[in-house]
Amino acid sequence: MIFSRLFAIGGPFGAALVLMLMGAQQPSALAHTQGGMWEIRGSPGAKAPVRQCLANVASLAQYEHRGQPCKLKIITDGASSTLFEYSCGAAGFGRSRLDVVTPRSLRVDTQGISNQLPFSYVLQARRVGDCPGQAPPPVH
């Protein structure tokens, strides 16, 4: 399924907020993933994995520009992969592919321009639990 909706992202939890407010569906590839505490390996400059509480894993698409207001566009959405493009004004832009290895494990291949310099790297993200104060997900 191909989406061409444009989403304004206003921070690390902006993707979830915009998807919720606009009534948009989560990308098909991410349908079985869930927010929570995620451990991210491969972050530039980080010697150890980074742990981040994510309301929506789609926010990993703009990992290089996390915390910045960006416009996110879903280019393609398949059963196990979603391709995003985003623009953050003067801060830069990017293109990210999120591949779902399992519902608790993702591969993020991202590249673009940040602060007038190119970037390109691959992240490995895995869900390690709930965020502090977050109720566990319901069992189906």
Protein backbone atom coordinates (compact mmCIF):
# COMPACT_ATOMS: atom_id res chain seq x y z
CA MET A 1 0.00 0.00 0.00
CA ILE A 2 1.42 3.41 -0.93
CA PHE A 3 0.76 6.45 1.24
CA SER A 4 1.32 10.02 0.17
CA ARG A 5 0.15 11.84 3.27
CA LEU A 6 2.35 14.56 4.63
CA PHE A 7 2.80 14.65 8.40
CA ALA A 8 4.28 17.49 10.45
CA ILE A 9 6.53 16.05 13.13
CA GLY A 10 7.19 18.11 16.24
CA GLY A 11 9.62 16.07 18.29
CA PRO A 12 10.34 12.48 19.17
CA PHE A 13 6.68 11.76 19.91
CA GLY A 14 5.31 13.93 17.10
CA ALA A 15 4.72 11.02 14.73
CA ALA A 16 2.35 9.36 17.17
CA LEU A 17 0.57 12.63 17.90
CA VAL A 18 0.08 13.51 14.24
CA LEU A 19 -1.06 10.00 13.31
CA MET A 20 -3.56 10.09 16.18
CA LEU A 21 -4.86 13.61 15.47
CA MET A 22 -5.24 13.06 11.75
CA GLY A 23 -6.86 9.66 12.18
CA ALA A 24 -4.21 8.20 9.88
CA GLN A 25 -3.35 4.55 10.03
CA GLN A 26 0.05 3.43 11.20
CA PRO A 27 2.14 2.11 8.30
CA SER A 28 1.31 -1.53 7.57
CA ALA A 29 4.89 -2.65 8.17
CA LEU A 30 4.75 -1.21 11.70
CA ALA A 31 1.28 -2.51 12.57
CA HIS A 32 2.60 -5.20 14.93
CA THR A 33 5.24 -3.03 16.58
CA GLN A 34 4.49 -0.97 19.67
CA GLY A 35 5.90 1.92 21.56
CA GLY A 36 7.91 1.44 24.69
CA MET A 37 11.57 1.38 25.68
CA TRP A 38 13.76 0.72 22.63
CA GLU A 39 17.49 0.03 22.61
CA ILE A 40 19.20 1.55 19.57
CA ARG A 41 22.60 0.42 18.31
CA GLY A 42 24.63 2.17 15.64
CA SER A 43 23.85 5.73 16.70
CA PRO A 44 26.72 7.94 15.45
CA GLY A 45 29.10 8.89 18.24
CA ALA A 46 27.55 6.50 20.77
CA LYS A 47 29.87 3.82 22.12
CA ALA A 48 27.05 1.99 23.87
CA PRO A 49 23.45 1.34 22.83
CA VAL A 50 21.08 4.24 23.40
CA ARG A 51 17.79 3.59 25.21
CA GLN A 52 14.87 5.73 24.19
CA CYS A 53 11.22 5.72 25.17
CA LEU A 54 9.18 5.86 21.95
CA ALA A 55 5.45 6.46 21.77
CA ASN A 56 5.53 5.33 18.13
CA VAL A 57 8.37 3.51 16.38
CA ALA A 58 7.73 5.53 13.19
CA SER A 59 9.62 8.35 14.92
CA LEU A 60 12.82 6.36 14.23
CA ALA A 61 12.47 7.46 10.60
CA GLN A 62 13.82 10.89 11.54
CA TYR A 63 16.33 9.69 14.13
CA GLU A 64 19.05 12.06 12.88
CA HIS A 65 16.68 15.00 13.34
CA ARG A 66 14.89 13.83 16.50
CA GLY A 67 13.41 16.67 18.50
CA GLN A 68 13.17 18.94 15.45
CA PRO A 69 10.00 19.95 13.63
CA CYS A 70 9.98 18.07 10.33
CA LYS A 71 7.51 17.09 7.62
CA LEU A 72 7.40 13.33 7.17
CA LYS A 73 6.11 11.62 4.04
CA ILE A 74 5.51 7.90 3.65
CA ILE A 75 6.75 6.87 0.19
CA THR A 76 6.07 3.12 0.24
CA ASP A 77 4.55 0.83 2.81
CA GLY A 78 4.84 -2.94 2.47
CA ALA A 79 4.28 -5.91 4.72
CA SER A 80 7.68 -5.65 6.40
CA SER A 81 9.22 -2.37 5.23
CA THR A 82 8.29 1.32 5.07
CA LEU A 83 10.20 4.03 3.22
CA PHE A 84 9.99 7.58 4.57
CA GLU A 85 11.25 10.94 3.34
CA TYR A 86 11.30 13.98 5.57
CA SER A 87 12.32 17.62 5.51
CA CYS A 88 13.30 19.77 8.50
CA GLY A 89 13.79 23.17 6.85
CA ALA A 90 17.25 24.66 7.41
CA ALA A 91 18.20 21.71 9.68
CA GLY A 92 18.23 19.33 6.70
CA PHE A 93 16.36 16.35 5.32
CA GLY A 94 16.49 12.59 5.15
CA ARG A 95 15.27 9.36 3.68
CA SER A 96 14.83 6.32 5.94
CA ARG A 97 13.79 2.75 5.38
CA LEU A 98 12.41 0.89 8.41
CA ASP A 99 12.57 -2.89 8.03
CA VAL A 100 10.71 -5.02 10.55
CA VAL A 101 12.81 -8.06 11.44
CA THR A 102 10.35 -9.06 14.19
CA PRO A 103 7.74 -6.92 16.00
CA ARG A 104 10.45 -6.24 18.63
CA SER A 105 13.40 -5.77 16.26
CA LEU A 106 13.86 -3.16 13.51
CA ARG A 107 16.58 -2.14 11.08
CA VAL A 108 16.69 1.56 10.16
CA ASP A 109 18.74 2.57 7.10
CA THR A 110 18.90 6.37 7.02
CA GLN A 111 20.71 9.02 5.01
CA GLY A 112 20.42 12.70 4.19
CA ILE A 113 21.76 16.10 5.17
CA SER A 114 22.00 17.35 8.76
CA ASN A 115 23.43 20.78 9.61
CA GLN A 116 24.71 21.09 6.02
CA LEU A 117 26.67 17.81 6.26
CA PRO A 118 25.79 14.40 4.77
CA PHE A 119 24.95 11.45 7.00
CA SER A 120 24.36 7.79 6.27
CA TYR A 121 24.15 4.96 8.80
CA VAL A 122 22.22 1.89 9.82
CA LEU A 123 20.56 1.48 13.22
CA GLN A 124 19.45 -1.72 14.89
CA ALA A 125 16.54 -1.13 17.28
CA ARG A 126 14.95 -3.62 19.63
CA ARG A 127 12.13 -3.22 22.10
CA VAL A 128 13.38 -4.02 25.59
CA GLY A 129 10.26 -3.27 27.65
CA ASP A 130 7.75 -0.68 28.68
CA CYS A 131 8.64 2.91 29.47
CA PRO A 132 8.76 3.87 33.15
CA GLY A 133 5.21 4.43 34.37
CA GLN A 134 3.71 2.78 31.27
CA ALA A 135 1.16 0.03 31.72
CA PRO A 136 2.03 -3.27 30.01
CA PRO A 137 0.23 -3.90 26.71
CA PRO A 138 -2.97 -5.96 26.81
CA VAL A 139 -2.63 -9.66 26.00
CA HIS A 140 -4.81 -10.81 23.09
